[in-house]
Amino acid sequence: MGLDIRIPLGLIFLLIGGLMSAYGFFTRNSAAIYEKSMGINLNLTWGLLMFFFGLVMFLVGRRQKWQDDPVDPRPWEKTNRPKH
């Protein structure tokens, strides 16, 4: 019941991480902006880390919500077998 904080948190990290990694991917050839970070593309690196963290948080939140479904949590485990 209620909102699981992992779902919106995962979506935020997915969005920000995706934007950062896309920016880092498209600017990977311009070495001028990465001189201060010793030539390391921090936008791409941290963007991918944030993206995968957001993906894990979102999937774990969705899995928990699916398992806690009060309507029919596991329909394949029904015991409504025909009686002989």
N, C-alpha and C. Protein backbone atom coordinates (compact mmCIF):
# COMPACT_ATOMS: atom_id res chain seq x y z
N MET A 1 0.84 -1.17 0.00
CA MET A 1 0.00 0.00 0.00
C MET A 1 0.88 1.24 0.00
N GLY A 2 0.44 2.26 -0.65
CA GLY A 2 1.20 3.49 -0.69
C GLY A 2 2.20 3.50 -1.81
N LEU A 3 2.91 4.58 -1.89
CA LEU A 3 3.89 4.77 -2.94
C LEU A 3 5.25 4.25 -2.49
N ASP A 4 5.84 3.41 -3.28
CA ASP A 4 7.18 2.93 -3.00
C ASP A 4 8.17 3.96 -3.53
N ILE A 5 9.04 4.47 -2.68
CA ILE A 5 9.95 5.55 -3.05
C ILE A 5 10.95 5.11 -4.11
N ARG A 6 11.16 3.81 -4.25
CA ARG A 6 12.14 3.33 -5.22
C ARG A 6 11.70 3.57 -6.66
N ILE A 7 10.41 3.62 -6.91
CA ILE A 7 9.94 3.82 -8.29
C ILE A 7 10.22 5.24 -8.78
N PRO A 8 9.78 6.31 -8.09
CA PRO A 8 10.11 7.65 -8.60
C PRO A 8 11.61 7.96 -8.51
N LEU A 9 12.28 7.44 -7.49
CA LEU A 9 13.72 7.64 -7.38
C LEU A 9 14.44 6.99 -8.55
N GLY A 10 14.03 5.79 -8.90
CA GLY A 10 14.62 5.11 -10.05
C GLY A 10 14.38 5.85 -11.34
N LEU A 11 13.17 6.40 -11.50
CA LEU A 11 12.87 7.16 -12.72
C LEU A 11 13.71 8.43 -12.82
N ILE A 12 13.93 9.10 -11.69
CA ILE A 12 14.75 10.31 -11.69
C ILE A 12 16.19 9.97 -12.08
N PHE A 13 16.74 8.91 -11.48
CA PHE A 13 18.10 8.52 -11.80
C PHE A 13 18.22 8.02 -13.24
N LEU A 14 17.19 7.34 -13.73
CA LEU A 14 17.19 6.92 -15.13
C LEU A 14 17.24 8.12 -16.07
N LEU A 15 16.43 9.12 -15.79
CA LEU A 15 16.38 10.30 -16.65
C LEU A 15 17.68 11.09 -16.59
N ILE A 16 18.15 11.43 -15.40
CA ILE A 16 19.37 12.23 -15.27
C ILE A 16 20.58 11.45 -15.78
N GLY A 17 20.67 10.17 -15.44
CA GLY A 17 21.78 9.35 -15.92
C GLY A 17 21.78 9.20 -17.42
N GLY A 18 20.61 9.05 -18.01
CA GLY A 18 20.52 8.95 -19.46
C GLY A 18 20.95 10.23 -20.15
N LEU A 19 20.53 11.37 -19.60
CA LEU A 19 20.94 12.65 -20.18
C LEU A 19 22.45 12.88 -20.04
N MET A 20 22.99 12.57 -18.86
CA MET A 20 24.43 12.76 -18.65
C MET A 20 25.26 11.85 -19.55
N SER A 21 24.86 10.60 -19.66
CA SER A 21 25.64 9.68 -20.48
C SER A 21 25.51 10.02 -21.97
N ALA A 22 24.35 10.51 -22.39
CA ALA A 22 24.21 10.94 -23.79
C ALA A 22 25.10 12.14 -24.07
N TYR A 23 25.15 13.10 -23.14
CA TYR A 23 26.03 14.26 -23.31
C TYR A 23 27.49 13.82 -23.33
N GLY A 24 27.86 12.92 -22.43
CA GLY A 24 29.23 12.43 -22.41
C GLY A 24 29.59 11.65 -23.65
N PHE A 25 28.63 10.92 -24.20
CA PHE A 25 28.88 10.16 -25.41
C PHE A 25 29.11 11.07 -26.62
N PHE A 26 28.30 12.12 -26.73
CA PHE A 26 28.41 13.01 -27.89
C PHE A 26 29.57 13.99 -27.77
N THR A 27 30.11 14.21 -26.57
CA THR A 27 31.24 15.13 -26.41
C THR A 27 32.53 14.39 -26.09
N ARG A 28 32.60 13.10 -26.36
CA ARG A 28 33.77 12.31 -26.00
C ARG A 28 35.00 12.65 -26.83
N ASN A 29 34.83 13.24 -27.99
CA ASN A 29 35.97 13.55 -28.86
C ASN A 29 36.56 14.92 -28.60
N SER A 30 35.87 15.77 -27.87
CA SER A 30 36.40 17.11 -27.58
C SER A 30 37.18 17.05 -26.27
N ALA A 31 38.48 17.00 -26.38
CA ALA A 31 39.34 16.83 -25.21
C ALA A 31 39.46 18.11 -24.39
N ALA A 32 39.05 19.23 -24.94
CA ALA A 32 39.21 20.50 -24.22
C ALA A 32 38.36 20.56 -22.96
N ILE A 33 37.19 19.99 -22.98
CA ILE A 33 36.34 20.08 -21.79
C ILE A 33 36.71 19.04 -20.74
N TYR A 34 37.55 18.07 -21.09
CA TYR A 34 37.93 17.04 -20.13
C TYR A 34 39.38 17.19 -19.66
N GLU A 35 39.99 18.36 -19.91
CA GLU A 35 41.35 18.58 -19.44
C GLU A 35 41.43 18.67 -17.92
N LYS A 36 40.43 19.27 -17.31
CA LYS A 36 40.45 19.42 -15.84
C LYS A 36 40.29 18.10 -15.12
N SER A 37 39.69 17.11 -15.76
CA SER A 37 39.50 15.81 -15.13
C SER A 37 40.50 14.78 -15.63
N MET A 38 41.68 15.24 -16.04
CA MET A 38 42.77 14.39 -16.50
C MET A 38 42.37 13.54 -17.71
N GLY A 39 41.54 14.07 -18.55
CA GLY A 39 41.14 13.37 -19.77
C GLY A 39 40.08 12.30 -19.58
N ILE A 40 39.50 12.21 -18.39
CA ILE A 40 38.47 11.20 -18.11
C ILE A 40 37.10 11.80 -18.42
N ASN A 41 36.31 11.08 -19.15
CA ASN A 41 34.96 11.52 -19.49
C ASN A 41 34.03 11.21 -18.32
N LEU A 42 33.98 12.14 -17.37
CA LEU A 42 33.17 11.93 -16.16
C LEU A 42 31.68 11.94 -16.45
N ASN A 43 31.26 12.69 -17.46
CA ASN A 43 29.83 12.71 -17.80
C ASN A 43 29.36 11.34 -18.24
N LEU A 44 30.13 10.68 -19.07
CA LEU A 44 29.75 9.36 -19.54
C LEU A 44 29.83 8.33 -18.41
N THR A 45 30.90 8.38 -17.64
CA THR A 45 31.10 7.40 -16.56
C THR A 45 30.00 7.50 -15.50
N TRP A 46 29.81 8.69 -14.94
CA TRP A 46 28.82 8.84 -13.89
C TRP A 46 27.39 8.77 -14.43
N GLY A 47 27.21 9.16 -15.67
CA GLY A 47 25.89 9.02 -16.28
C GLY A 47 25.47 7.57 -16.39
N LEU A 48 26.41 6.70 -16.81
CA LEU A 48 26.10 5.27 -16.89
C LEU A 48 25.86 4.67 -15.51
N LEU A 49 26.67 5.09 -14.52
CA LEU A 49 26.46 4.58 -13.16
C LEU A 49 25.10 5.00 -12.61
N MET A 50 24.72 6.24 -12.84
CA MET A 50 23.42 6.72 -12.38
C MET A 50 22.29 6.00 -13.12
N PHE A 51 22.48 5.76 -14.40
CA PHE A 51 21.46 5.08 -15.19
C PHE A 51 21.23 3.66 -14.67
N PHE A 52 22.31 2.91 -14.43
CA PHE A 52 22.15 1.55 -13.94
C PHE A 52 21.61 1.50 -12.52
N PHE A 53 21.99 2.45 -11.68
CA PHE A 53 21.42 2.54 -10.33
C PHE A 53 19.92 2.80 -10.41
N GLY A 54 19.52 3.73 -11.27
CA GLY A 54 18.10 4.01 -11.44
C GLY A 54 17.33 2.83 -11.99
N LEU A 55 17.95 2.08 -12.89
CA LEU A 55 17.31 0.89 -13.44
C LEU A 55 17.08 -0.16 -12.36
N VAL A 56 18.08 -0.37 -11.52
CA VAL A 56 17.95 -1.35 -10.44
C VAL A 56 16.88 -0.91 -9.45
N MET A 57 16.88 0.36 -9.07
CA MET A 57 15.88 0.85 -8.12
C MET A 57 14.47 0.73 -8.69
N PHE A 58 14.31 1.08 -9.95
CA PHE A 58 12.99 1.01 -10.57
C PHE A 58 12.51 -0.44 -10.66
N LEU A 59 13.37 -1.35 -11.10
CA LEU A 59 12.96 -2.75 -11.24
C LEU A 59 12.66 -3.40 -9.89
N VAL A 60 13.44 -3.07 -8.87
CA VAL A 60 13.19 -3.63 -7.54
C VAL A 60 11.87 -3.08 -6.99
N GLY A 61 11.62 -1.80 -7.21
CA GLY A 61 10.36 -1.21 -6.76
C GLY A 61 9.16 -1.81 -7.48
N ARG A 62 9.28 -2.04 -8.77
CA ARG A 62 8.18 -2.64 -9.53
C ARG A 62 7.97 -4.10 -9.12
N ARG A 63 9.06 -4.82 -8.86
CA ARG A 63 8.93 -6.22 -8.45
C ARG A 63 8.21 -6.33 -7.11
N GLN A 64 8.57 -5.47 -6.18
CA GLN A 64 7.93 -5.49 -4.87
C GLN A 64 6.46 -5.13 -4.98
N LYS A 65 6.15 -4.16 -5.83
CA LYS A 65 4.75 -3.76 -6.00
C LYS A 65 3.97 -4.91 -6.62
N TRP A 66 4.58 -5.65 -7.55
CA TRP A 66 3.90 -6.77 -8.19
C TRP A 66 3.67 -7.90 -7.19
N GLN A 67 4.63 -8.14 -6.30
CA GLN A 67 4.49 -9.22 -5.32
C GLN A 67 3.47 -8.88 -4.26
N ASP A 68 3.28 -7.60 -3.96
CA ASP A 68 2.34 -7.18 -2.93
C ASP A 68 0.94 -6.92 -3.48
N ASP A 69 0.68 -7.32 -4.72
CA ASP A 69 -0.60 -7.07 -5.34
C ASP A 69 -1.70 -7.83 -4.58
N PRO A 70 -2.64 -7.12 -3.96
CA PRO A 70 -3.67 -7.81 -3.17
C PRO A 70 -4.72 -8.51 -4.02
N VAL A 71 -4.82 -8.18 -5.29
CA VAL A 71 -5.87 -8.75 -6.12
C VAL A 71 -5.55 -10.20 -6.46
N ASP A 72 -4.44 -10.43 -7.10
CA ASP A 72 -4.06 -11.77 -7.52
C ASP A 72 -2.54 -11.83 -7.65
N PRO A 73 -1.83 -12.02 -6.53
CA PRO A 73 -0.37 -11.92 -6.58
C PRO A 73 0.30 -12.98 -7.44
N ARG A 74 -0.18 -14.22 -7.41
CA ARG A 74 0.43 -15.29 -8.19
C ARG A 74 -0.68 -16.15 -8.80
N PRO A 75 -1.15 -15.77 -9.98
CA PRO A 75 -2.28 -16.50 -10.55
C PRO A 75 -1.94 -17.94 -10.93
N TRP A 76 -0.68 -18.26 -11.14
CA TRP A 76 -0.32 -19.61 -11.54
C TRP A 76 -0.32 -20.59 -10.37
N GLU A 77 -0.46 -20.09 -9.13
CA GLU A 77 -0.46 -20.97 -7.98
C GLU A 77 -1.88 -21.25 -7.47
N LYS A 78 -2.86 -21.02 -8.27
CA LYS A 78 -4.24 -21.29 -7.85
C LYS A 78 -4.45 -22.77 -7.70
N THR A 79 -5.26 -23.12 -6.76
CA THR A 79 -5.52 -24.54 -6.52
C THR A 79 -6.92 -24.94 -6.97
N ASN A 80 -7.46 -24.23 -7.93
CA ASN A 80 -8.80 -24.53 -8.44
C ASN A 80 -8.70 -25.64 -9.50
N ARG A 81 -8.36 -26.81 -9.07
CA ARG A 81 -8.26 -27.93 -9.98
C ARG A 81 -9.62 -28.64 -10.04
N PRO A 82 -9.94 -29.20 -11.18
CA PRO A 82 -11.19 -29.96 -11.24
C PRO A 82 -11.12 -31.21 -10.37
N LYS A 83 -12.18 -31.43 -9.60
CA LYS A 83 -12.21 -32.59 -8.72
C LYS A 83 -12.77 -33.78 -9.46
N HIS A 84 -12.13 -34.93 -9.32
CA HIS A 84 -12.57 -36.14 -10.01
C HIS A 84 -13.36 -37.01 -9.07
